[in-house]
Each structure stands twice: as structure tokens, then as C-alpha cells.
Amino acid sequence: MTPYGLLSDTHCHNWSAFAQTDDDLINTRLVMILDEIERCAIETKKAGGNTVYHGGDLFHVRGSIEPSVLNPTRARFEHIYRQHGVKFRLLPGNHDLEHKHSNAVGNSVEAMRGEWVEVNHGPTFYPEHPVTATLEGVQMVPWVERVQDFKDNIETWGLDRACRAKRDLIIHAPIDGVIEGLPDHGLTGEWLAELGFKRVFSGHYHNHKEIIPGKVWSIGALTHQTWGDVGSKAGFLIVSDAGVKWHSTHAPQFVDIDASMDPSEVSLRCDGNYVRVKVQNAKPSEVSAIRDGLMKHGALGVNVNVVKVPVTGRPTVSTVKAGASVEVQVTDYIKSAGFEHAELVAQAAINVLAEAV
């Protein structure tokens, strides 16, 4: 089979958190998303393919596209085609639709249609070239509001198991168990595997996960978009005869840090990411010190959540060991001062600091 790229849940949007407008009047976080789309196309080309499939939710705001989002997105897709020879096949997700179900009138992805972009509004089969003994093509199915309706629609496709076995299936649907803590909707990886398709890939949930080994995957979002994505795996896939290879996003991620982390781990998590830390009863000066310390370690943005808790007995300051930035600064100072056994000295100093607090 010819390898192909696969991504999902790009949510192209004028994001507000940690974003600006660049010299071309484009939202900086939108640019990061478009950069990752192009990276997927480049990796697809390197693998010997010329098509990227999108598993839904190209855009973010349901029923609306701002020109400053649509125009840069269209321009980048055309650039990718002209520069790299890679085209796209787009599956409508729930965020792309004005109505409950996909149709040509209320589908915002329709605005992307062109020489280098194909769009479908219902179950659509795309033959692969060349057709091989193991794969004859890719079946795509847009968002369906109710899981039971999606299940019922499967029977209307008229595909026998021999036919399904030679097709990959790409859908946009909530598969149970992809994100811990979310309620089940009755669509399981086991049920999807039993349909008999060669492989099943689903967009919708923002976490990459191989649900049934070698059979069913949650594609995951291309990038992190909000604090709700903390801990999720974002990126894209390259699908070939050799298997399914996941590529982690290069875009900034949303991460949490806490008091139990080693200073070196704090530094690694900060580097190039958006960072959130929770502290108790911190004063404005402490919040500023924490934010400044994390920014010095490479955070692109910092969110310090101050939790007010009742004070009993003697008043205390921030419970993040006097602020993560203080630990980091103490450690950095001792290392830079050239102390012998700097790590041990730094730990001793931090312990003294904790006693003082």
C-alpha cells in the first residue's frame, strides 16, 4: 500500500490564551497548528505517500469560521500541495458542523474544497493506488450525533466482511476509555474491531491511544489546545504496510507542575510549554517570583492558581516549597557558584528553606 498521513482535531482557531497576532496578522497559535499540519505532510512525503487524511474538527468554533482563520488555513493547504505535492481528504467532525449531522450546507470544511482538498459529507470510500492484496482503500465516516445511530448506519453500507478486511476505517466518534474519567457512550474498541475492517482510526477525543493492539486507535489531537489537554498525547500518524507510527507534536503543550517535582524535572516541563502551578495563600510578590522563575526556565506562558485555605496557628506562605521558582533559583545559584558536591549542597539548602517556611 501507499503510506498515508493521518491527523485529527486540529481546531484551527484564533486562540486567546498565550497567543498574539504576528506581522502577517495571523494568530500565533494558529501558525503553530498549521506548522504541525505541514510537518505531517512532510513526513508523509518522506514515507512515500502523497495524501493526508484528517479525522475531523479541522476548525474549532461550531457553525462559524473567521476569515482570519479560514484564509491562512486555505493558504497553508495550498502551499503544502504546491511545495510538497501532498493533498488532503477531510472528514467533518462535530466542531465543523452547524447542524447535528453532516451535510453540504452546514459543513464549514466545505470552504476548504479545492484541487488539493477533498471533502465528504457521508460515508465515502477512497481507493488507494495501487490497490494491494491487503488494502484496497480507506473508508471515511463523518460525525453522527448519537452513537446508536452510528452503529445502525454501519449496516446500511452494504459491505461484507471480506470487503471490510481490505479497508481502513476513519471515523469521528467517542470511543470509551480513551480519556480516563469521561463517561462511556457505548462505543467500544472491541465492538469496532469486530466490524472486520483492517484497521480503525477515530478522531474526537484529544488523546492518542492504541485501544486494540494492531486494530483500533484514537488518533488524538494534533496539538494541545487548552488545560483540558494536560497529560494527553498529541501528534499525528503515518500509516503503511510496516504499521502505524505515531509522531509526537512539536508544538507547545499544556503541563502542570507541583511541589513534589525535582527541580530538573520542573525545568524540563517548562521548556517551550505552557505551565500551570497551584499554590496556597501566595502573596502577589510570591506569585510574581514563581512566574518569573518558571519563565526563566523556558515556559512560554505561566498560569499561577492561588488557592485560599484557612490559616490555623502561625501564618504560612506558599506551599509549593516557597514557590517552585525559589527552589530552582537556589539550585541554580549553588551550581553556578562552583560548590563542591553542588547537588548535595543545593538539597541541604532547600531543606533549610523548607524548615524556615
Protein backbone atom coordinates (compact mmCIF):
# COMPACT_ATOMS: atom_id res chain seq x y z
CA MET A 1 0.00 0.00 0.00
CA THR A 2 0.99 3.62 -0.43
CA PRO A 3 1.67 5.15 3.01
CA TYR A 4 -0.60 7.97 4.13
CA GLY A 5 -0.60 10.60 6.87
CA LEU A 6 -3.36 10.79 9.45
CA LEU A 7 -4.15 13.61 11.86
CA SER A 8 -7.22 14.91 13.65
CA ASP A 9 -8.74 17.59 15.87
CA THR A 10 -6.55 20.44 14.69
CA HIS A 11 -9.12 23.01 15.91
CA CYS A 12 -7.80 25.87 13.78
CA HIS A 13 -8.88 28.98 15.67
CA ASN A 14 -7.88 32.44 16.87
CA TRP A 15 -6.78 31.18 20.27
CA SER A 16 -6.58 33.80 23.02
CA ALA A 17 -4.52 32.15 25.78
CA PHE A 18 -0.78 32.71 25.30
CA ALA A 19 -1.37 33.94 21.73
CA GLN A 20 -0.61 37.12 19.82
CA THR A 21 -1.05 38.36 16.27
CA ASP A 22 2.10 38.13 14.15
CA ASP A 23 3.33 40.55 11.49
CA ASP A 24 1.08 38.86 8.92
CA LEU A 25 -1.98 39.43 11.18
CA ILE A 26 -2.26 35.70 11.90
CA ASN A 27 -2.84 34.26 15.37
CA THR A 28 0.50 32.85 16.59
CA ARG A 29 -1.02 29.66 17.98
CA LEU A 30 -2.88 29.10 14.70
CA VAL A 31 0.50 29.35 12.95
CA MET A 32 1.83 26.62 15.26
CA ILE A 33 -1.07 24.34 14.31
CA LEU A 34 -0.53 24.98 10.60
CA ASP A 35 3.19 24.28 11.04
CA GLU A 36 2.35 20.88 12.53
CA ILE A 37 -0.05 20.11 9.66
CA GLU A 38 2.78 20.85 7.24
CA ARG A 39 5.18 18.69 9.28
CA CYS A 40 2.73 15.79 8.95
CA ALA A 41 2.66 16.33 5.18
CA ILE A 42 6.46 16.40 5.02
CA GLU A 43 6.74 13.14 6.99
CA THR A 44 4.07 11.59 4.75
CA LYS A 45 6.12 12.53 1.68
CA LYS A 46 9.29 11.11 3.26
CA ALA A 47 7.46 7.83 3.84
CA GLY A 48 6.49 7.64 0.16
CA GLY A 49 2.91 8.92 0.40
CA ASN A 50 1.07 11.88 -1.08
CA THR A 51 -2.16 12.05 0.94
CA VAL A 52 -3.03 13.19 4.46
CA TYR A 53 -6.38 12.15 5.94
CA HIS A 54 -7.98 14.40 8.57
CA GLY A 55 -10.18 12.70 11.19
CA GLY A 56 -12.45 15.67 11.92
CA ASP A 57 -12.64 19.02 13.75
CA LEU A 58 -10.45 20.96 11.36
CA PHE A 59 -11.99 24.14 12.79
CA HIS A 60 -12.93 24.99 16.36
CA VAL A 61 -15.99 27.27 16.58
CA ARG A 62 -19.05 25.26 15.62
CA GLY A 63 -21.08 26.90 12.85
CA SER A 64 -18.66 29.77 12.28
CA ILE A 65 -15.28 30.45 10.65
CA GLU A 66 -13.50 33.78 10.97
CA PRO A 67 -11.80 34.97 7.76
CA SER A 68 -8.54 35.37 9.70
CA VAL A 69 -8.71 31.62 10.42
CA LEU A 70 -10.09 30.33 7.11
CA ASN A 71 -7.79 32.30 4.80
CA PRO A 72 -4.45 31.34 6.43
CA THR A 73 -5.62 27.72 6.66
CA ARG A 74 -6.59 27.57 2.97
CA ALA A 75 -3.34 29.30 2.02
CA ARG A 76 -1.23 26.81 4.01
CA PHE A 77 -3.00 23.79 2.50
CA GLU A 78 -2.36 25.17 -0.99
CA HIS A 79 1.29 25.85 -0.08
CA ILE A 80 1.66 22.25 1.13
CA TYR A 81 0.27 20.93 -2.15
CA ARG A 82 2.42 23.22 -4.32
CA GLN A 83 5.58 22.73 -2.24
CA HIS A 84 5.35 19.07 -1.21
CA GLY A 85 2.81 17.53 -3.60
CA VAL A 86 0.60 16.36 -0.72
CA LYS A 87 -3.20 16.60 -0.86
CA PHE A 88 -5.81 16.27 1.88
CA ARG A 89 -9.03 14.35 2.48
CA LEU A 90 -11.13 15.99 5.18
CA LEU A 91 -13.68 14.32 7.42
CA PRO A 92 -16.25 16.61 9.11
CA GLY A 93 -16.21 16.45 12.90
CA ASN A 94 -18.79 17.83 15.30
CA HIS A 95 -16.97 21.18 15.61
CA ASP A 96 -17.08 21.59 11.83
CA LEU A 97 -20.88 21.32 11.64
CA GLU A 98 -23.60 23.92 12.08
CA HIS A 99 -26.23 21.20 12.36
CA LYS A 100 -26.30 17.94 14.30
CA HIS A 101 -25.30 15.88 11.28
CA SER A 102 -23.02 16.41 8.31
CA ASN A 103 -24.39 17.97 5.12
CA ALA A 104 -23.07 20.17 2.33
CA VAL A 105 -24.93 23.27 3.57
CA GLY A 106 -23.82 23.32 7.21
CA ASN A 107 -20.31 21.92 6.91
CA SER A 108 -17.55 24.50 7.44
CA VAL A 109 -14.92 22.16 5.97
CA GLU A 110 -16.69 22.61 2.61
CA ALA A 111 -14.94 26.00 2.44
CA MET A 112 -11.64 24.13 2.04
CA ARG A 113 -12.63 22.17 -1.06
CA GLY A 114 -10.25 22.56 -3.99
CA GLU A 115 -7.77 20.86 -6.28
CA TRP A 116 -5.74 19.72 -3.27
CA VAL A 117 -8.62 19.09 -0.80
CA GLU A 118 -11.42 16.53 -0.97
CA VAL A 119 -14.39 16.77 1.42
CA ASN A 120 -17.08 14.19 2.19
CA HIS A 121 -20.50 14.62 3.83
CA GLY A 122 -21.41 10.98 4.30
CA PRO A 123 -19.73 7.57 4.27
CA THR A 124 -17.13 7.80 1.48
CA PHE A 125 -14.66 5.28 0.07
CA TYR A 126 -11.31 6.42 -1.31
CA PRO A 127 -9.45 3.76 -3.35
CA GLU A 128 -5.74 3.56 -2.73
CA HIS A 129 -3.32 3.47 -5.65
CA PRO A 130 -2.09 0.92 -6.22
CA VAL A 131 -4.64 -1.44 -4.71
CA THR A 132 -2.87 -4.28 -2.91
CA ALA A 133 -3.87 -7.69 -1.62
CA THR A 134 -4.09 -6.31 1.92
CA LEU A 135 -5.60 -2.84 1.39
CA GLU A 136 -7.84 -1.53 -1.35
CA GLY A 137 -8.59 1.84 0.21
CA VAL A 138 -9.89 3.99 3.07
CA GLN A 139 -13.49 4.34 4.26
CA MET A 140 -14.36 7.63 5.99
CA VAL A 141 -17.49 8.31 8.07
CA PRO A 142 -18.33 11.82 9.39
CA TRP A 143 -19.69 12.70 12.82
CA VAL A 144 -23.04 11.18 13.79
CA GLU A 145 -24.76 12.77 16.79
CA ARG A 146 -25.90 9.57 18.52
CA VAL A 147 -23.69 6.51 18.93
CA GLN A 148 -26.63 4.18 18.32
CA ASP A 149 -27.39 5.95 15.02
CA PHE A 150 -23.74 5.47 14.04
CA LYS A 151 -23.98 1.76 14.84
CA ASP A 152 -27.24 1.41 12.91
CA ASN A 153 -25.76 3.19 9.88
CA ILE A 154 -22.97 0.63 9.63
CA GLU A 155 -25.50 -1.90 8.40
CA THR A 156 -26.59 0.37 5.53
CA TRP A 157 -23.13 0.45 3.93
CA GLY A 158 -23.64 -2.92 2.31
CA LEU A 159 -20.05 -4.04 2.90
CA ASP A 160 -19.41 -7.72 3.54
CA ARG A 161 -16.59 -8.78 5.87
CA ALA A 162 -14.28 -9.72 3.00
CA CYS A 163 -14.59 -6.16 1.68
CA ARG A 164 -14.14 -4.57 5.11
CA ALA A 165 -10.99 -6.59 5.74
CA LYS A 166 -9.27 -4.70 2.90
CA ARG A 167 -10.27 -1.22 4.07
CA ASP A 168 -9.05 1.10 6.81
CA LEU A 169 -11.91 2.91 8.56
CA ILE A 170 -11.59 6.54 9.72
CA ILE A 171 -14.39 7.95 11.89
CA HIS A 172 -15.06 10.84 14.27
CA ALA A 173 -16.66 9.34 17.37
CA PRO A 174 -16.25 8.99 21.17
CA ILE A 175 -14.63 5.63 21.93
CA ASP A 176 -14.97 4.51 25.55
CA GLY A 177 -11.81 4.50 27.64
CA VAL A 178 -9.68 6.87 25.56
CA ILE A 179 -9.66 9.53 28.29
CA GLU A 180 -9.86 8.45 31.90
CA GLY A 181 -12.81 9.90 33.80
CA LEU A 182 -15.06 10.62 30.81
CA PRO A 183 -18.43 8.81 30.76
CA ASP A 184 -18.88 5.88 28.40
CA HIS A 185 -21.06 6.34 25.30
CA GLY A 186 -21.40 2.69 24.34
CA LEU A 187 -18.83 2.65 21.54
CA THR A 188 -16.02 0.29 22.49
CA GLY A 189 -12.77 -0.63 20.81
CA GLU A 190 -13.83 -4.27 20.92
CA TRP A 191 -17.03 -3.54 19.00
CA LEU A 192 -15.14 -1.56 16.37
CA ALA A 193 -12.56 -4.31 15.98
CA GLU A 194 -15.36 -6.84 15.45
CA LEU A 195 -16.62 -4.88 12.43
CA GLY A 196 -13.86 -6.60 10.47
CA PHE A 197 -12.01 -3.61 8.99
CA LYS A 198 -8.26 -3.92 8.54
CA ARG A 199 -7.73 -1.02 10.96
CA VAL A 200 -9.98 1.57 12.63
CA PHE A 201 -8.89 5.13 13.45
CA SER A 202 -11.06 7.63 15.31
CA GLY A 203 -10.88 11.36 15.88
CA HIS A 204 -12.83 13.32 18.53
CA TYR A 205 -11.01 12.62 21.79
CA HIS A 206 -7.77 14.58 22.27
CA ASN A 207 -5.56 11.71 23.32
CA HIS A 208 -3.61 9.31 21.11
CA LYS A 209 -4.11 5.73 22.23
CA GLU A 210 -3.83 2.29 20.69
CA ILE A 211 -7.07 0.85 22.05
CA ILE A 212 -6.97 -2.64 20.49
CA PRO A 213 -3.38 -3.53 19.52
CA GLY A 214 -2.96 -3.52 15.77
CA LYS A 215 -6.68 -2.86 15.15
CA VAL A 216 -8.20 0.26 16.78
CA TRP A 217 -6.63 3.66 17.54
CA SER A 218 -7.71 7.01 18.87
CA ILE A 219 -5.80 9.40 16.59
CA GLY A 220 -5.60 12.15 19.20
CA ALA A 221 -5.42 15.91 18.65
CA LEU A 222 -2.58 17.29 16.54
CA THR A 223 -1.59 19.76 19.30
CA HIS A 224 -2.59 20.72 22.82
CA GLN A 225 -5.22 23.47 22.85
CA THR A 226 -6.43 24.02 26.45
CA TRP A 227 -5.67 23.00 30.02
CA GLY A 228 -8.08 20.12 29.42
CA ASP A 229 -5.34 18.55 27.28
CA VAL A 230 -2.84 18.25 30.16
CA GLY A 231 -1.37 14.76 30.14
CA SER A 232 -2.76 13.79 26.72
CA LYS A 233 -0.64 12.56 23.81
CA ALA A 234 -0.84 14.90 20.81
CA GLY A 235 0.61 14.37 17.35
CA PHE A 236 -0.05 12.58 14.05
CA LEU A 237 0.27 9.13 12.45
CA ILE A 238 1.97 7.68 9.40
CA VAL A 239 0.16 4.53 8.24
CA SER A 240 1.89 1.99 5.99
CA ASP A 241 2.41 -1.72 5.39
CA ALA A 242 5.09 -1.54 8.07
CA GLY A 243 2.49 -0.49 10.65
CA VAL A 244 1.22 2.65 12.35
CA LYS A 245 3.86 5.12 13.55
CA TRP A 246 2.95 7.92 15.94
CA HIS A 247 4.83 11.24 15.78
CA SER A 248 4.59 13.44 18.88
CA THR A 249 3.71 17.09 18.37
CA HIS A 250 6.48 19.69 18.27
CA ALA A 251 4.05 22.43 19.32
CA PRO A 252 3.97 23.75 22.92
CA GLN A 253 1.99 21.62 25.36
CA PHE A 254 -0.08 22.47 28.44
CA VAL A 255 1.60 20.99 31.53
CA ASP A 256 1.15 21.00 35.31
CA ILE A 257 3.94 21.17 37.88
CA ASP A 258 3.74 20.63 41.63
CA ALA A 259 5.83 20.78 44.78
CA SER A 260 6.90 17.15 44.66
CA MET A 261 8.83 17.50 41.42
CA ASP A 262 12.61 17.57 41.27
CA PRO A 263 13.93 20.96 40.08
CA SER A 264 15.41 19.31 36.99
CA GLU A 265 12.01 17.89 36.07
CA VAL A 266 10.42 21.30 36.59
CA SER A 267 12.95 22.74 34.14
CA LEU A 268 12.24 20.05 31.54
CA ARG A 269 8.48 20.53 31.81
CA CYS A 270 8.78 24.29 31.48
CA ASP A 271 10.96 24.30 28.38
CA GLY A 272 8.85 25.53 25.48
CA ASN A 273 5.49 24.79 27.12
CA TYR A 274 2.55 26.49 28.84
CA VAL A 275 2.84 25.82 32.58
CA ARG A 276 0.27 25.77 35.37
CA VAL A 277 1.10 25.61 39.08
CA LYS A 278 -1.19 25.65 42.13
CA VAL A 279 -0.09 27.40 45.35
CA GLN A 280 -1.77 28.14 48.66
CA ASN A 281 -2.24 31.63 50.14
CA ALA A 282 0.51 33.14 47.99
CA LYS A 283 1.07 36.88 48.09
CA PRO A 284 1.27 38.86 44.82
CA SER A 285 5.04 39.15 45.23
CA GLU A 286 5.33 35.37 45.59
CA VAL A 287 3.15 34.80 42.53
CA SER A 288 5.39 37.13 40.53
CA ALA A 289 8.50 35.32 41.77
CA ILE A 290 7.05 31.94 40.81
CA ARG A 291 6.02 33.17 37.37
CA ASP A 292 9.39 34.82 36.72
CA GLY A 293 11.27 31.71 37.82
CA LEU A 294 9.28 29.42 35.54
CA MET A 295 9.62 31.79 32.59
CA LYS A 296 13.40 31.80 33.11
CA HIS A 297 13.31 28.05 32.68
CA GLY A 298 11.74 28.35 29.26
CA ALA A 299 7.98 28.41 29.90
CA LEU A 300 6.15 30.21 27.08
CA GLY A 301 3.33 31.11 29.46
CA VAL A 302 2.54 30.58 33.15
CA ASN A 303 -0.76 30.27 34.98
CA VAL A 304 -0.40 30.50 38.78
CA ASN A 305 -3.57 29.37 40.56
CA VAL A 306 -3.73 30.73 44.10
CA VAL A 307 -5.88 28.62 46.40
CA LYS A 308 -7.13 30.29 49.56
CA VAL A 309 -7.13 27.94 52.55
CA PRO A 310 -7.92 28.72 56.21
CA VAL A 311 -4.84 29.61 58.24
CA THR A 312 -4.55 27.83 61.59
CA GLY A 313 -1.89 28.75 64.11
CA ARG A 314 1.07 30.59 62.68
CA PRO A 315 0.58 32.11 59.21
CA THR A 316 2.28 30.28 56.34
CA VAL A 317 3.35 31.21 52.86
CA SER A 318 3.02 29.36 49.57
CA THR A 319 3.02 25.58 49.94
CA VAL A 320 4.98 24.96 46.75
CA LYS A 321 8.09 24.80 48.94
CA ALA A 322 8.24 28.60 48.99
CA GLY A 323 7.43 28.57 45.29
CA ALA A 324 8.92 26.32 42.65
CA SER A 325 10.96 29.25 41.36
CA VAL A 326 12.70 29.70 44.72
CA GLU A 327 13.95 26.11 44.69
CA VAL A 328 15.07 26.49 41.12
CA GLN A 329 16.86 29.75 41.84
CA VAL A 330 18.61 28.33 44.93
CA THR A 331 19.77 25.28 42.98
CA ASP A 332 20.95 27.36 40.01
CA TYR A 333 22.86 29.76 42.27
CA ILE A 334 24.69 26.96 44.11
CA LYS A 335 25.59 25.22 40.85
CA SER A 336 26.83 28.45 39.28
CA ALA A 337 28.88 29.34 42.41
CA GLY A 338 31.04 26.25 41.88
CA PHE A 339 30.37 24.50 45.19
CA GLU A 340 31.86 21.04 45.53
CA HIS A 341 29.08 18.42 45.59
CA ALA A 342 26.67 21.11 44.38
CA GLU A 343 23.68 18.76 44.21
CA LEU A 344 24.02 17.81 47.89
CA VAL A 345 24.58 21.42 48.94
CA ALA A 346 21.52 22.51 46.95
CA GLN A 347 19.35 19.86 48.55
CA ALA A 348 20.57 20.84 52.01
CA ALA A 349 19.79 24.49 51.29
CA ILE A 350 16.30 23.59 50.08
CA ASN A 351 15.74 21.57 53.25
CA VAL A 352 16.82 24.54 55.37
CA LEU A 353 14.48 26.76 53.38
CA ALA A 354 11.60 24.36 53.95
CA GLU A 355 12.34 24.35 57.71
CA ALA A 356 12.35 28.15 57.74
CA VAL A 357 9.00 28.29 55.95
